[in-house]
Amino acid sequence: MNVTMKGEPLTTVGTAPEVGTQLPDFKLADKDGKTLTAADFKGQTTLISVVPNINTSVCSIQTKHFNADADKVPGIRFVTISTNTAAEQSTWCAAEGVKKMEMLSDAKEEFGRALGLFIPAAGINSRSIFIVDASGKIRYRELISEQTTEPNYSAALDFLATL
């Protein structure tokens, strides 16, 4: 998949899974060092917000936006995934007052590679949004072409309202 960062072309390791397919298997780390896999995303509808680097402005805006939206959509799990370490994510959350988003680290690049989102030249995952149902099936996705552009928050939230 081809994306850009400030207009410069970048290439991901593959193609993101289509709507209607199962979330591929991967490993992520939470703030306590626990390993999570695709199986841990079953049982509850989840909005997965993928950001390249939590310590950049657009990623920060995106995460804070969904953090604020979490209260508006009860019963939905809101997760942010970045290649930052869990410690970096925790430091950012403390500094920014973000408490509702579940932050998961893809520092080992397994999630990004499994979903075809990892950009080797930059060491980050491509900005994207996925909504996964309780069975682990991808029901919605938005792949952002220009990495400095915010996602369509309204479209994702409107889709959640239909579930």
C-alpha atoms as a PDB file:
ATOM      1  CA  MET A   1       0.000   0.000   0.000  1.00  0.00           C
ATOM      2  CA  ASN A   2       1.346   3.426  -0.892  1.00  0.00           C
ATOM      3  CA  VAL A   3       0.932   6.393   1.444  1.00  0.00           C
ATOM      4  CA  THR A   4       2.582   9.792   1.835  1.00  0.00           C
ATOM      5  CA  MET A   5       4.085  11.780   4.693  1.00  0.00           C
ATOM      6  CA  LYS A   6       4.139  15.507   3.977  1.00  0.00           C
ATOM      7  CA  GLY A   7       3.770  14.588   0.312  1.00  0.00           C
ATOM      8  CA  GLU A   8       6.738  12.197   0.293  1.00  0.00           C
ATOM      9  CA  PRO A   9       5.835   8.669  -0.883  1.00  0.00           C
ATOM     10  CA  LEU A  10       6.127   5.747   1.535  1.00  0.00           C
ATOM     11  CA  THR A  11       5.227   2.083   1.144  1.00  0.00           C
ATOM     12  CA  THR A  12       3.729  -0.279   3.682  1.00  0.00           C
ATOM     13  CA  VAL A  13       4.710  -3.951   3.973  1.00  0.00           C
ATOM     14  CA  GLY A  14       1.423  -5.102   2.474  1.00  0.00           C
ATOM     15  CA  THR A  15      -2.247  -4.378   1.995  1.00  0.00           C
ATOM     16  CA  ALA A  16      -4.647  -3.819   4.872  1.00  0.00           C
ATOM     17  CA  PRO A  17      -7.335  -6.464   5.389  1.00  0.00           C
ATOM     18  CA  GLU A  18     -10.695  -5.803   3.758  1.00  0.00           C
ATOM     19  CA  VAL A  19     -13.987  -5.141   5.502  1.00  0.00           C
ATOM     20  CA  GLY A  20     -15.690  -8.478   6.137  1.00  0.00           C
ATOM     21  CA  THR A  21     -12.486 -10.371   6.924  1.00  0.00           C
ATOM     22  CA  GLN A  22     -11.266 -11.532  10.319  1.00  0.00           C
ATOM     23  CA  LEU A  23      -8.704  -9.467  12.154  1.00  0.00           C
ATOM     24  CA  PRO A  24      -5.376 -11.235  11.476  1.00  0.00           C
ATOM     25  CA  ASP A  25      -3.357 -12.580  14.388  1.00  0.00           C
ATOM     26  CA  PHE A  26      -0.771 -10.289  16.005  1.00  0.00           C
ATOM     27  CA  LYS A  27       0.813  -9.397  19.332  1.00  0.00           C
ATOM     28  CA  LEU A  28       0.661  -6.060  21.147  1.00  0.00           C
ATOM     29  CA  ALA A  29       1.745  -4.925  24.621  1.00  0.00           C
ATOM     30  CA  ASP A  30      -0.390  -3.003  27.100  1.00  0.00           C
ATOM     31  CA  LYS A  31       0.879  -0.526  29.691  1.00  0.00           C
ATOM     32  CA  ASP A  32       1.476  -3.339  32.189  1.00  0.00           C
ATOM     33  CA  GLY A  33       3.545  -5.397  29.730  1.00  0.00           C
ATOM     34  CA  LYS A  34       0.766  -7.941  29.121  1.00  0.00           C
ATOM     35  CA  THR A  35       0.707  -9.389  25.598  1.00  0.00           C
ATOM     36  CA  LEU A  36      -2.571  -9.090  23.706  1.00  0.00           C
ATOM     37  CA  THR A  37      -3.494 -10.942  20.513  1.00  0.00           C
ATOM     38  CA  ALA A  38      -6.387 -10.789  18.052  1.00  0.00           C
ATOM     39  CA  ALA A  39      -8.285 -13.164  20.371  1.00  0.00           C
ATOM     40  CA  ASP A  40      -8.300 -10.421  23.027  1.00  0.00           C
ATOM     41  CA  PHE A  41     -10.344  -8.243  20.667  1.00  0.00           C
ATOM     42  CA  LYS A  42     -13.252 -10.699  20.590  1.00  0.00           C
ATOM     43  CA  GLY A  43     -16.324 -10.327  22.749  1.00  0.00           C
ATOM     44  CA  GLN A  44     -16.850  -6.575  22.334  1.00  0.00           C
ATOM     45  CA  THR A  45     -17.055  -4.171  19.422  1.00  0.00           C
ATOM     46  CA  THR A  46     -13.774  -2.247  19.270  1.00  0.00           C
ATOM     47  CA  LEU A  47     -12.694   0.931  17.516  1.00  0.00           C
ATOM     48  CA  ILE A  48      -8.976   0.618  16.734  1.00  0.00           C
ATOM     49  CA  SER A  49      -7.266   3.935  16.085  1.00  0.00           C
ATOM     50  CA  VAL A  50      -3.822   3.388  14.550  1.00  0.00           C
ATOM     51  CA  VAL A  51      -1.416   6.327  14.780  1.00  0.00           C
ATOM     52  CA  PRO A  52       2.164   6.552  13.489  1.00  0.00           C
ATOM     53  CA  ASN A  53       3.729   8.225  16.572  1.00  0.00           C
ATOM     54  CA  ILE A  54       1.797   9.364  19.641  1.00  0.00           C
ATOM     55  CA  ASN A  55       4.315  12.178  20.209  1.00  0.00           C
ATOM     56  CA  THR A  56       3.349  14.068  17.043  1.00  0.00           C
ATOM     57  CA  SER A  57       0.594  16.651  16.673  1.00  0.00           C
ATOM     58  CA  VAL A  58      -1.882  14.839  14.400  1.00  0.00           C
ATOM     59  CA  CYS A  59      -1.533  11.577  16.342  1.00  0.00           C
ATOM     60  CA  SER A  60      -2.068  13.460  19.579  1.00  0.00           C
ATOM     61  CA  ILE A  61      -5.168  15.193  18.177  1.00  0.00           C
ATOM     62  CA  GLN A  62      -6.577  11.902  16.873  1.00  0.00           C
ATOM     63  CA  THR A  63      -6.077  10.107  20.184  1.00  0.00           C
ATOM     64  CA  LYS A  64      -7.534  12.956  22.242  1.00  0.00           C
ATOM     65  CA  HIS A  65     -10.512  13.174  19.874  1.00  0.00           C
ATOM     66  CA  PHE A  66     -11.402   9.492  20.275  1.00  0.00           C
ATOM     67  CA  ASN A  67     -10.704   9.721  24.024  1.00  0.00           C
ATOM     68  CA  ALA A  68     -13.420  12.409  24.218  1.00  0.00           C
ATOM     69  CA  ASP A  69     -15.756  10.333  22.018  1.00  0.00           C
ATOM     70  CA  ALA A  70     -15.450   7.208  24.178  1.00  0.00           C
ATOM     71  CA  ASP A  71     -18.172   8.433  26.564  1.00  0.00           C
ATOM     72  CA  LYS A  72     -20.560   9.144  23.686  1.00  0.00           C
ATOM     73  CA  VAL A  73     -20.675   5.522  22.518  1.00  0.00           C
ATOM     74  CA  PRO A  74     -21.320   3.201  25.469  1.00  0.00           C
ATOM     75  CA  GLY A  75     -20.327  -0.433  25.199  1.00  0.00           C
ATOM     76  CA  ILE A  76     -17.591   0.189  22.633  1.00  0.00           C
ATOM     77  CA  ARG A  77     -13.925  -0.440  23.403  1.00  0.00           C
ATOM     78  CA  PHE A  78     -11.657   2.380  22.176  1.00  0.00           C
ATOM     79  CA  VAL A  79      -8.018   1.441  21.511  1.00  0.00           C
ATOM     80  CA  THR A  80      -5.069   3.418  20.151  1.00  0.00           C
ATOM     81  CA  ILE A  81      -2.138   1.499  18.667  1.00  0.00           C
ATOM     82  CA  SER A  82       1.242   3.011  17.818  1.00  0.00           C
ATOM     83  CA  THR A  83       4.817   1.785  17.457  1.00  0.00           C
ATOM     84  CA  ASN A  84       5.753   3.826  20.541  1.00  0.00           C
ATOM     85  CA  THR A  85       6.763   1.821  23.591  1.00  0.00           C
ATOM     86  CA  ALA A  86       4.198   1.311  26.350  1.00  0.00           C
ATOM     87  CA  ALA A  87       6.308   3.600  28.565  1.00  0.00           C
ATOM     88  CA  GLU A  88       6.221   6.387  25.950  1.00  0.00           C
ATOM     89  CA  GLN A  89       2.454   5.961  25.621  1.00  0.00           C
ATOM     90  CA  SER A  90       1.970   6.107  29.406  1.00  0.00           C
ATOM     91  CA  THR A  91       4.094   9.250  29.667  1.00  0.00           C
ATOM     92  CA  TRP A  92       2.086  10.883  26.866  1.00  0.00           C
ATOM     93  CA  CYS A  93      -1.265   9.910  28.463  1.00  0.00           C
ATOM     94  CA  ALA A  94      -0.189  11.357  31.821  1.00  0.00           C
ATOM     95  CA  ALA A  95       0.958  14.623  30.211  1.00  0.00           C
ATOM     96  CA  GLU A  96      -2.193  14.956  28.075  1.00  0.00           C
ATOM     97  CA  GLY A  97      -4.772  13.757  30.619  1.00  0.00           C
ATOM     98  CA  VAL A  98      -5.942  10.891  28.389  1.00  0.00           C
ATOM     99  CA  LYS A  99      -7.600   8.239  30.548  1.00  0.00           C
ATOM    100  CA  LYS A 100     -10.323   6.554  28.482  1.00  0.00           C
ATOM    101  CA  MET A 101      -8.298   5.299  25.512  1.00  0.00           C
ATOM    102  CA  GLU A 102      -6.659   1.918  25.908  1.00  0.00           C
ATOM    103  CA  MET A 103      -3.113   2.416  24.633  1.00  0.00           C
ATOM    104  CA  LEU A 104      -1.379  -0.575  23.048  1.00  0.00           C
ATOM    105  CA  SER A 105       2.219  -0.706  21.894  1.00  0.00           C
ATOM    106  CA  ASP A 106       3.307  -2.203  18.588  1.00  0.00           C
ATOM    107  CA  ALA A 107       6.985  -1.508  19.275  1.00  0.00           C
ATOM    108  CA  LYS A 108       7.783  -4.995  17.955  1.00  0.00           C
ATOM    109  CA  GLU A 109       5.930  -4.169  14.700  1.00  0.00           C
ATOM    110  CA  GLU A 110       3.833  -7.358  14.782  1.00  0.00           C
ATOM    111  CA  PHE A 111       0.422  -5.675  14.490  1.00  0.00           C
ATOM    112  CA  GLY A 112       1.565  -3.359  11.693  1.00  0.00           C
ATOM    113  CA  ARG A 113       3.134  -6.201   9.745  1.00  0.00           C
ATOM    114  CA  ALA A 114       0.120  -8.512  10.228  1.00  0.00           C
ATOM    115  CA  LEU A 115      -2.263  -5.827   8.963  1.00  0.00           C
ATOM    116  CA  GLY A 116       0.028  -4.601   6.171  1.00  0.00           C
ATOM    117  CA  LEU A 117       0.273  -1.162   7.810  1.00  0.00           C
ATOM    118  CA  PHE A 118       3.933  -1.056   8.825  1.00  0.00           C
ATOM    119  CA  ILE A 119       6.140   1.403   6.923  1.00  0.00           C
ATOM    120  CA  PRO A 120       9.723   0.058   7.199  1.00  0.00           C
ATOM    121  CA  ALA A 121      11.382   3.222   5.878  1.00  0.00           C
ATOM    122  CA  ALA A 122       9.858   5.262   8.715  1.00  0.00           C
ATOM    123  CA  GLY A 123       9.509   2.603  11.428  1.00  0.00           C
ATOM    124  CA  ILE A 124       5.830   3.456  11.974  1.00  0.00           C
ATOM    125  CA  ASN A 125       2.361   2.140  11.184  1.00  0.00           C
ATOM    126  CA  SER A 126       0.149   3.872   8.644  1.00  0.00           C
ATOM    127  CA  ARG A 127      -2.645   5.997  10.127  1.00  0.00           C
ATOM    128  CA  SER A 128      -5.936   4.117   9.968  1.00  0.00           C
ATOM    129  CA  ILE A 129      -9.191   3.315  11.742  1.00  0.00           C
ATOM    130  CA  PHE A 130     -10.752  -0.128  12.068  1.00  0.00           C
ATOM    131  CA  ILE A 131     -13.985  -1.144  13.746  1.00  0.00           C
ATOM    132  CA  VAL A 132     -14.047  -4.809  14.682  1.00  0.00           C
ATOM    133  CA  ASP A 133     -17.205  -6.585  15.850  1.00  0.00           C
ATOM    134  CA  ALA A 134     -17.439  -8.977  18.795  1.00  0.00           C
ATOM    135  CA  SER A 135     -16.576 -11.957  16.574  1.00  0.00           C
ATOM    136  CA  GLY A 136     -13.319 -10.305  15.435  1.00  0.00           C
ATOM    137  CA  LYS A 137     -14.596  -9.409  11.971  1.00  0.00           C
ATOM    138  CA  ILE A 138     -13.559  -6.078  10.463  1.00  0.00           C
ATOM    139  CA  ARG A 139     -16.755  -4.115   9.871  1.00  0.00           C
ATOM    140  CA  TYR A 140     -15.261  -0.700   8.989  1.00  0.00           C
ATOM    141  CA  ARG A 141     -11.907   0.654   7.921  1.00  0.00           C
ATOM    142  CA  GLU A 142     -10.460   3.978   6.915  1.00  0.00           C
ATOM    143  CA  LEU A 143      -6.964   4.015   5.480  1.00  0.00           C
ATOM    144  CA  ILE A 144      -5.451   7.494   5.514  1.00  0.00           C
ATOM    145  CA  SER A 145      -3.334   8.192   2.429  1.00  0.00           C
ATOM    146  CA  GLU A 146      -1.541  11.316   3.676  1.00  0.00           C
ATOM    147  CA  GLN A 147      -0.194  10.558   7.149  1.00  0.00           C
ATOM    148  CA  THR A 148      -0.425  14.176   8.327  1.00  0.00           C
ATOM    149  CA  THR A 149      -4.215  14.168   7.725  1.00  0.00           C
ATOM    150  CA  GLU A 150      -6.732  13.373  10.450  1.00  0.00           C
ATOM    151  CA  PRO A 151      -9.252  10.571   9.917  1.00  0.00           C
ATOM    152  CA  ASN A 152     -12.959  11.139   9.327  1.00  0.00           C
ATOM    153  CA  TYR A 153     -14.073  10.975  12.961  1.00  0.00           C
ATOM    154  CA  SER A 154     -17.743  11.495  12.124  1.00  0.00           C
ATOM    155  CA  ALA A 155     -17.835   8.603   9.662  1.00  0.00           C
ATOM    156  CA  ALA A 156     -16.391   6.187  12.237  1.00  0.00           C
ATOM    157  CA  LEU A 157     -18.720   7.370  14.987  1.00  0.00           C
ATOM    158  CA  ASP A 158     -21.734   7.334  12.662  1.00  0.00           C
ATOM    159  CA  PHE A 159     -20.876   3.750  11.741  1.00  0.00           C
ATOM    160  CA  LEU A 160     -20.685   2.793  15.422  1.00  0.00           C
ATOM    161  CA  ALA A 161     -24.153   4.267  15.900  1.00  0.00           C
ATOM    162  CA  THR A 162     -25.535   1.765  13.360  1.00  0.00           C
ATOM    163  CA  LEU A 163     -24.333  -1.259  15.338  1.00  0.00           C
END
